[in-house]
Amino acid sequence: MNLSHIEHVGIAVKSLEEAIPFWEEKLGLKCYKIEEVKEQKVKTAFFQIGQSKIELLESTDPDGPIGKFIEKKGEGIHHLAIAVKDIQQNLTELDEKDVLLIDKTPRKGAEGLDIAFVHPKSTHGVLLELCENNNR
């Protein structure tokens, strides 16, 4: 595996408009980007903390993954994202180790990152996202 650092922690929220003020006004962080990822039925807001980020996730469709997550579990941590080099090689290696993958090939995510998810059944309950930045 070629892991670099924690890229971000994804937090499901009902409303970005209601959630962003906590991170800005109470913690002093600055939301540097709000972006909609239509394919994933989500709107995201990002905050930088050192080399890592907080990603707030608001569903744009109740039947989307974040909408279903909030309906089932409520607001809270949705996933942990780890930055990797050569995401496809990492996915192939995990597949060869019989790790249950949601994505066997990368897809585009927020901020133009190549992303893929590892199923929580293989990670003891954590939805793990692998991210590779090919924009740099």
Protein backbone atom coordinates (compact mmCIF):
# COMPACT_ATOMS: atom_id res chain seq x y z
CA MET A 1 0.00 0.00 0.00
CA ASN A 2 1.13 3.49 -0.77
CA LEU A 3 -0.65 5.66 1.83
CA SER A 4 0.33 9.30 2.35
CA HIS A 5 -1.82 11.02 4.99
CA ILE A 6 -5.39 11.53 6.16
CA GLU A 7 -6.85 13.51 3.27
CA HIS A 8 -10.10 14.38 5.03
CA VAL A 9 -12.82 13.30 7.41
CA GLY A 10 -16.27 13.34 5.81
CA ILE A 11 -19.13 14.48 8.06
CA ALA A 12 -22.76 14.09 7.01
CA VAL A 13 -24.92 17.10 7.88
CA LYS A 14 -28.53 17.98 7.19
CA SER A 15 -27.67 21.53 6.15
CA LEU A 16 -24.38 23.15 5.15
CA GLU A 17 -25.92 26.52 5.90
CA GLU A 18 -26.54 25.46 9.50
CA ALA A 19 -23.29 23.48 9.95
CA ILE A 20 -20.69 25.83 8.44
CA PRO A 21 -21.04 28.55 11.15
CA PHE A 22 -19.89 26.12 13.87
CA TRP A 23 -16.62 25.40 12.05
CA GLU A 24 -16.05 29.06 11.14
CA GLU A 25 -17.39 30.99 14.14
CA LYS A 26 -16.66 28.55 16.97
CA LEU A 27 -13.43 26.93 15.73
CA GLY A 28 -12.07 29.77 13.59
CA LEU A 29 -11.68 27.73 10.41
CA LYS A 30 -12.51 29.12 6.97
CA CYS A 31 -14.71 27.30 4.47
CA TYR A 32 -12.60 27.60 1.34
CA LYS A 33 -14.85 25.77 -1.10
CA ILE A 34 -18.44 24.63 -1.57
CA GLU A 35 -19.00 22.21 -4.42
CA GLU A 36 -21.81 20.00 -5.71
CA VAL A 37 -20.95 16.49 -6.90
CA LYS A 38 -24.08 15.65 -8.89
CA GLU A 39 -23.13 12.01 -9.53
CA GLN A 40 -23.00 11.42 -5.76
CA LYS A 41 -26.08 13.55 -5.00
CA VAL A 42 -24.16 15.67 -2.51
CA LYS A 43 -23.02 19.22 -1.85
CA THR A 44 -19.73 19.56 0.02
CA ALA A 45 -17.98 22.25 2.06
CA PHE A 46 -14.25 22.07 2.84
CA PHE A 47 -12.10 23.34 5.71
CA GLN A 48 -8.30 22.95 5.76
CA ILE A 49 -6.57 21.84 8.97
CA GLY A 50 -2.84 21.46 8.37
CA GLN A 51 -2.34 18.83 5.70
CA SER A 52 -5.85 17.38 6.25
CA LYS A 53 -9.38 18.64 5.69
CA ILE A 54 -12.88 18.43 7.09
CA GLU A 55 -15.51 17.76 4.41
CA LEU A 56 -19.12 18.52 5.31
CA LEU A 57 -21.60 16.56 3.18
CA GLU A 58 -25.19 17.67 2.55
CA SER A 59 -27.46 15.41 0.52
CA THR A 60 -29.10 16.93 -2.56
CA ASP A 61 -31.46 13.93 -2.82
CA PRO A 62 -33.02 11.96 0.04
CA ASP A 63 -32.34 8.77 -1.92
CA GLY A 64 -28.63 9.58 -2.31
CA PRO A 65 -25.97 7.96 -0.13
CA ILE A 66 -25.75 10.87 2.34
CA GLY A 67 -29.53 11.23 2.54
CA LYS A 68 -29.87 7.52 3.35
CA PHE A 69 -27.00 7.69 5.86
CA ILE A 70 -28.59 10.59 7.76
CA GLU A 71 -32.01 8.91 7.72
CA LYS A 72 -30.53 5.71 9.18
CA LYS A 73 -27.80 7.03 11.52
CA GLY A 74 -28.31 10.78 11.82
CA GLU A 75 -25.65 13.44 11.33
CA GLY A 76 -22.06 12.53 12.07
CA ILE A 77 -18.85 11.07 10.73
CA HIS A 78 -19.55 9.39 7.41
CA HIS A 79 -16.09 8.35 6.19
CA LEU A 80 -12.35 8.60 6.63
CA ALA A 81 -10.37 9.48 3.51
CA ILE A 82 -6.71 8.57 3.06
CA ALA A 83 -4.49 10.10 0.39
CA VAL A 84 -2.71 7.51 -1.74
CA LYS A 85 -0.30 7.38 -4.63
CA ASP A 86 -1.45 5.19 -7.55
CA ILE A 87 -5.00 4.55 -6.43
CA GLN A 88 -5.58 1.77 -8.97
CA GLN A 89 -2.53 -0.16 -7.73
CA ASN A 90 -3.82 0.17 -4.15
CA LEU A 91 -7.29 -1.08 -5.19
CA THR A 92 -5.77 -4.04 -7.03
CA GLU A 93 -3.65 -4.91 -4.00
CA LEU A 94 -6.64 -4.72 -1.65
CA ASP A 95 -8.76 -6.83 -4.02
CA GLU A 96 -6.01 -9.46 -4.14
CA LYS A 97 -6.09 -9.51 -0.32
CA ASP A 98 -9.85 -10.25 -0.45
CA VAL A 99 -10.83 -6.82 0.90
CA LEU A 100 -14.44 -5.97 0.00
CA LEU A 101 -14.40 -2.92 -2.26
CA ILE A 102 -17.30 -0.67 -3.18
CA ASP A 103 -15.25 0.63 -6.13
CA LYS A 104 -12.80 -1.60 -7.99
CA THR A 105 -11.83 1.31 -10.24
CA PRO A 106 -11.50 4.98 -9.26
CA ARG A 107 -14.12 7.61 -10.05
CA LYS A 108 -14.11 11.40 -9.83
CA GLY A 109 -14.98 12.98 -6.51
CA ALA A 110 -15.05 16.47 -5.02
CA GLU A 111 -12.10 18.75 -5.76
CA GLY A 112 -11.36 16.64 -8.85
CA LEU A 113 -9.78 13.84 -6.81
CA ASP A 114 -9.79 10.25 -8.03
CA ILE A 115 -11.63 8.32 -5.32
CA ALA A 116 -12.70 4.79 -4.41
CA PHE A 117 -14.41 3.37 -1.36
CA VAL A 118 -13.59 0.31 0.74
CA HIS A 119 -16.63 -1.38 2.28
CA PRO A 120 -17.08 -1.02 6.07
CA LYS A 121 -17.48 -4.81 6.36
CA SER A 122 -13.74 -5.09 5.67
CA THR A 123 -12.63 -2.22 7.93
CA HIS A 124 -14.50 -3.07 11.14
CA GLY A 125 -17.24 -0.51 10.53
CA VAL A 126 -15.41 2.43 8.92
CA LEU A 127 -16.27 3.58 5.40
CA LEU A 128 -12.79 4.19 4.00
CA GLU A 129 -12.20 6.41 1.00
CA LEU A 130 -8.95 6.30 -0.95
CA CYS A 131 -8.09 9.58 -2.72
CA GLU A 132 -5.48 10.47 -5.30
CA ASN A 133 -4.83 14.01 -6.45
CA ASN A 134 -3.81 13.95 -10.10
CA ASN A 135 -4.47 17.69 -10.44
CA ARG A 136 -1.10 18.75 -9.04
